[in-house]
Structures are given as C-alpha cells and as structure tokens.
Amino acid sequence: MADAEIDMTGDAAGLAALIARAAGQTNGKTRGLPPVERWNPPFCGDIDMEIRADGTWFYMGTPIGRQPLVRLFSTVLRKDGDGRTYLVTPVEKLGIRIADAPFVAVEMTVTEQDGTPVITFRTNVGDVVEAGPEHGLRFVVHGENSELKPYLHVRGRLEALVSRAVMYDLVALGETVVIDGIEMFAVRSGGVVFPVMPAEELEALSA
C-alpha cells in the first residue's frame, strides 16, 4: 500500500495544517519534546487516524509509511483524563483512535548503575526510556489465553506495550520476591521492584 495522501480539507482542522503546526513546535529541537501537557487548545473533532496494536499508524485506512512523519505526530500525542488520546498543538486538539497503546517497546538493553540493574527500552518511534521511579512497568494478564502484556510508562499518560519478543527477554530477568507477605514474581530496574504476578499464578500458567 502507498503512504496515506494527506487530505487538506477532509478533517476538522486540516491534517496538513496540523503537520505544519506540529513541525513548528519541534523544528530545531534535538532534545526535549513540545510541552503538550501545558497546552489547553479547543477540541476540534476527531480525525480518521488510528494506531494499531502493532504500533502502525493509519490515516483514512492507509498506513503512514513515512517514519519521520510518524515520529512528528508521536511528539504531539497526549492522553487526557477522559481516557482518550489526542494530537495536540497550541491551537487545536484532535481525537484519534488507539487500539492498545500508542507506542510499542521494540528493543531492550540491561546495564548496571552502582550495582543496580537498569532496563532501558527503545520504542518504535525512537523514544529511549529507562524503567525506574519515573517510568514504571505494569503487567496485565489479558484474554482467555491469559496473555501477559507488559506496559512501560513513557510520558504523561502515554504508555508503550512491550512487544512479545522483548517481553520474553524481560520476563527472563524476573525473580521471586516477597511483597507485603506474598511471594511475587517481579523484575527490578532503577532501584524499583515491579511485580509481574503472584508466584503461584506464574507456576499455574507454566504448568
């Protein structure tokens, strides 16, 4: 499929104009991200944009294949208290659809700092995030097949789903620890213990 053609008139605020305004917030900035949490623009409606569960971005049903454009949009994403995710600039807020999480953690490395393991993730849009006090890991057992799905806090209310391949490497780092008198299977990073599930439940899944 070809990349999505940007329709300058088919959306509430005009996607091409949104691209220009988003680019205006990031041009020349090699560090940091636009302060989307501080902006309070009016809601201008929804656009036909979706982030699928595998992290692929779609516009009007067609995948957006241009990675720099995906990266640009990712820098102006914000999830609000209503549970919805928006593209936000200083002058507009546009609703988009998220199938699962807006980002996917596609790579993981483990290092040590002062004898403490630090797990660092890279997302599909280029964010590099160290799991620890500011970027937590949470684990969900989902569906009839009891699928384990780890999520990494990236920024604001935005999370990355840890890909299945990376999830296996992450779980391989796990250990059994006692938390509030209960044996838990957990992983450590940045001085924080992140519970995965009770150890007895892990044994049941493995049986």
Protein backbone atom coordinates (compact mmCIF):
# COMPACT_ATOMS: atom_id res chain seq x y z
CA MET A 1 0.00 0.00 0.00
CA ALA A 2 1.14 3.53 -0.69
CA ASP A 3 1.52 6.08 2.08
CA ALA A 4 -1.62 7.91 3.02
CA GLU A 5 -2.29 11.00 0.97
CA ILE A 6 -2.80 13.96 3.26
CA ASP A 7 -6.22 15.50 2.62
CA MET A 8 -6.02 19.19 3.39
CA THR A 9 -9.79 19.60 3.62
CA GLY A 10 -11.11 16.27 4.89
CA ASP A 11 -10.57 16.82 8.63
CA ALA A 12 -11.85 19.29 11.17
CA ALA A 13 -8.65 21.31 11.38
CA GLY A 14 -6.89 20.12 8.23
CA LEU A 15 -4.23 17.45 8.64
CA ALA A 16 -1.72 19.30 6.50
CA ALA A 17 -2.08 22.36 8.71
CA LEU A 18 -1.66 20.15 11.77
CA ILE A 19 1.57 18.75 10.33
CA ALA A 20 2.85 22.28 9.77
CA ARG A 21 1.97 23.38 13.30
CA ALA A 22 3.41 20.24 14.87
CA ALA A 23 6.60 20.73 12.88
CA GLY A 24 6.72 24.31 14.07
CA GLN A 25 6.83 23.06 17.67
CA THR A 26 9.73 20.68 17.07
CA ASN A 27 11.94 22.28 14.41
CA GLY A 28 15.46 22.81 15.64
CA LYS A 29 14.81 20.91 18.86
CA THR A 30 17.13 17.95 19.11
CA ARG A 31 16.35 17.49 22.76
CA GLY A 32 13.14 17.60 24.67
CA LEU A 33 9.58 17.44 23.44
CA PRO A 34 6.84 20.01 22.90
CA PRO A 35 5.13 20.89 26.21
CA VAL A 36 1.80 19.36 25.20
CA GLU A 37 0.74 18.89 28.84
CA ARG A 38 0.70 22.67 29.28
CA TRP A 39 -1.42 23.43 26.22
CA ASN A 40 -5.17 23.89 26.53
CA PRO A 41 -6.50 24.29 22.96
CA PRO A 42 -10.13 23.76 21.93
CA PHE A 43 -11.29 20.32 20.82
CA CYS A 44 -11.68 20.44 17.03
CA GLY A 45 -13.19 16.99 16.46
CA ASP A 46 -11.87 13.58 15.52
CA ILE A 47 -9.75 12.68 12.52
CA ASP A 48 -9.61 9.30 10.80
CA MET A 49 -6.28 8.30 12.30
CA GLU A 50 -5.59 5.12 14.22
CA ILE A 51 -2.63 3.50 15.91
CA ARG A 52 -2.99 -0.27 15.60
CA ALA A 53 -1.91 -2.74 18.28
CA ASP A 54 1.38 -3.41 16.47
CA GLY A 55 2.24 0.30 16.53
CA THR A 56 1.42 1.00 12.87
CA TRP A 57 -0.18 4.39 12.22
CA PHE A 58 -3.07 4.59 9.76
CA TYR A 59 -4.70 7.62 8.17
CA MET A 60 -8.03 7.10 6.39
CA GLY A 61 -7.43 3.35 6.43
CA THR A 62 -3.97 3.50 4.84
CA PRO A 63 -0.70 3.00 6.74
CA ILE A 64 1.55 6.01 7.14
CA GLY A 65 4.86 4.68 5.94
CA ARG A 66 6.95 7.81 6.41
CA GLN A 67 8.73 7.27 9.71
CA PRO A 68 9.70 10.95 10.17
CA LEU A 69 6.01 11.86 9.91
CA VAL A 70 5.04 9.20 12.44
CA ARG A 71 7.76 10.46 14.76
CA LEU A 72 6.49 14.02 14.36
CA PHE A 73 2.93 13.04 15.25
CA SER A 74 4.16 10.99 18.21
CA THR A 75 5.72 14.09 19.79
CA VAL A 76 2.35 15.88 19.97
CA LEU A 77 0.34 12.95 21.37
CA ARG A 78 -1.44 13.42 24.68
CA LYS A 79 -3.76 11.17 26.63
CA ASP A 80 -6.22 13.13 28.73
CA GLY A 81 -8.17 12.29 31.86
CA ASP A 82 -11.13 11.18 29.75
CA GLY A 83 -9.07 8.18 28.62
CA ARG A 84 -8.85 9.37 25.02
CA THR A 85 -5.68 10.18 23.10
CA TYR A 86 -5.28 13.35 21.03
CA LEU A 87 -2.93 15.10 18.68
CA VAL A 88 -2.37 18.46 20.35
CA THR A 89 -0.86 21.76 19.23
CA PRO A 90 -1.26 25.17 20.88
CA VAL A 91 -4.32 25.88 18.73
CA GLU A 92 -6.17 22.57 18.30
CA LYS A 93 -6.86 19.17 19.83
CA LEU A 94 -7.86 16.31 17.52
CA GLY A 95 -9.07 12.90 18.64
CA ILE A 96 -7.52 9.74 17.22
CA ARG A 97 -8.11 6.02 17.87
CA ILE A 98 -5.72 3.79 19.79
CA ALA A 99 -6.17 0.02 19.53
CA ASP A 100 -3.98 -0.73 22.56
CA ALA A 101 -1.06 1.55 23.48
CA PRO A 102 0.24 4.44 21.38
CA PHE A 103 3.80 3.11 21.38
CA VAL A 104 5.49 -0.29 21.22
CA ALA A 105 8.74 -1.10 23.02
CA VAL A 106 10.75 -2.93 20.37
CA GLU A 107 14.19 -3.20 21.97
CA MET A 108 15.58 -3.69 25.45
CA THR A 109 19.04 -3.47 26.98
CA VAL A 110 20.20 -4.14 30.53
CA THR A 111 23.03 -2.28 32.24
CA GLU A 112 24.15 -1.65 35.81
CA GLN A 113 24.40 1.60 37.70
CA ASP A 114 26.02 1.41 41.13
CA GLY A 115 25.39 -2.32 41.15
CA THR A 116 21.69 -1.89 40.36
CA PRO A 117 20.20 -3.26 37.12
CA VAL A 118 18.69 -0.70 34.76
CA ILE A 119 16.43 -1.84 31.94
CA THR A 120 16.32 0.58 29.01
CA PHE A 121 13.74 0.33 26.25
CA ARG A 122 13.56 1.83 22.77
CA THR A 123 10.12 2.42 21.28
CA ASN A 124 9.02 2.16 17.68
CA VAL A 125 9.02 5.95 17.40
CA GLY A 126 12.52 6.42 18.81
CA ASP A 127 11.92 7.20 22.48
CA VAL A 128 14.57 5.77 24.81
CA VAL A 129 13.19 5.14 28.30
CA GLU A 130 14.77 3.71 31.45
CA ALA A 131 12.38 1.77 33.66
CA GLY A 132 12.56 3.09 37.19
CA PRO A 133 10.97 5.58 39.58
CA GLU A 134 9.81 7.93 36.80
CA HIS A 135 8.93 5.30 34.22
CA GLY A 136 7.10 2.37 35.71
CA LEU A 137 6.34 -1.06 34.34
CA ARG A 138 2.94 -2.64 34.81
CA PHE A 139 1.81 -6.09 33.82
CA VAL A 140 -1.63 -7.23 32.69
CA VAL A 141 -2.83 -10.80 32.15
CA HIS A 142 -5.25 -10.48 29.26
CA GLY A 143 -7.80 -12.61 27.47
CA GLU A 144 -8.93 -16.20 27.54
CA ASN A 145 -5.39 -17.41 26.86
CA SER A 146 -4.02 -15.48 29.86
CA GLU A 147 -1.61 -13.48 27.70
CA LEU A 148 0.92 -11.49 29.69
CA LYS A 149 1.17 -7.90 28.43
CA PRO A 150 3.76 -5.56 29.97
CA TYR A 151 3.36 -1.79 29.61
CA LEU A 152 6.04 0.87 30.09
CA HIS A 153 5.20 4.43 31.12
CA VAL A 154 6.76 6.75 28.54
CA ARG A 155 5.45 10.25 29.37
CA GLY A 156 2.29 11.91 30.58
CA ARG A 157 -0.38 9.21 30.49
CA LEU A 158 1.20 7.55 27.44
CA GLU A 159 2.50 4.01 27.59
CA ALA A 160 4.32 1.58 25.34
CA LEU A 161 3.22 -2.02 25.00
CA VAL A 162 6.31 -4.22 25.32
CA SER A 163 6.46 -6.34 22.17
CA ARG A 164 6.15 -10.09 22.54
CA ALA A 165 9.79 -10.73 21.60
CA VAL A 166 11.04 -8.17 24.11
CA MET A 167 8.58 -9.43 26.72
CA TYR A 168 10.31 -12.83 26.77
CA ASP A 169 13.67 -11.16 27.43
CA LEU A 170 12.09 -9.03 30.15
CA VAL A 171 10.46 -11.95 31.92
CA ALA A 172 13.77 -13.84 31.79
CA LEU A 173 15.10 -11.22 34.22
CA GLY A 174 12.38 -11.99 36.76
CA GLU A 175 12.85 -13.29 40.27
CA THR A 176 10.66 -14.23 43.20
CA VAL A 177 10.45 -11.61 45.94
CA VAL A 178 8.19 -11.20 48.96
CA ILE A 179 5.95 -8.14 48.79
CA ASP A 180 3.51 -7.50 51.64
CA GLY A 181 3.90 -11.09 52.74
CA ILE A 182 3.12 -12.54 49.30
CA GLU A 183 5.65 -14.26 47.04
CA MET A 184 5.63 -12.32 43.79
CA PHE A 185 7.39 -12.84 40.50
CA ALA A 186 8.95 -9.45 39.72
CA VAL A 187 11.61 -7.59 37.76
CA ARG A 188 13.94 -4.89 39.04
CA SER A 189 15.12 -1.73 37.32
CA GLY A 190 16.48 1.56 38.55
CA GLY A 191 16.09 0.54 42.18
CA VAL A 192 12.40 -0.28 41.80
CA VAL A 193 10.76 -3.69 42.07
CA PHE A 194 7.95 -4.14 39.55
CA PRO A 195 5.59 -7.02 40.42
CA VAL A 196 4.54 -9.17 37.49
CA MET A 197 2.16 -11.58 39.22
CA PRO A 198 1.93 -13.81 42.29
CA ALA A 199 4.48 -16.60 42.01
CA GLU A 200 1.78 -19.27 42.37
CA GLU A 201 -0.10 -17.83 39.39
CA LEU A 202 3.06 -17.96 37.30
CA GLU A 203 3.50 -21.60 38.22
CA ALA A 204 -0.09 -22.28 37.16
CA LEU A 205 0.48 -20.58 33.80
CA SER A 206 3.66 -22.57 33.27
CA ALA A 207 2.04 -25.89 34.12
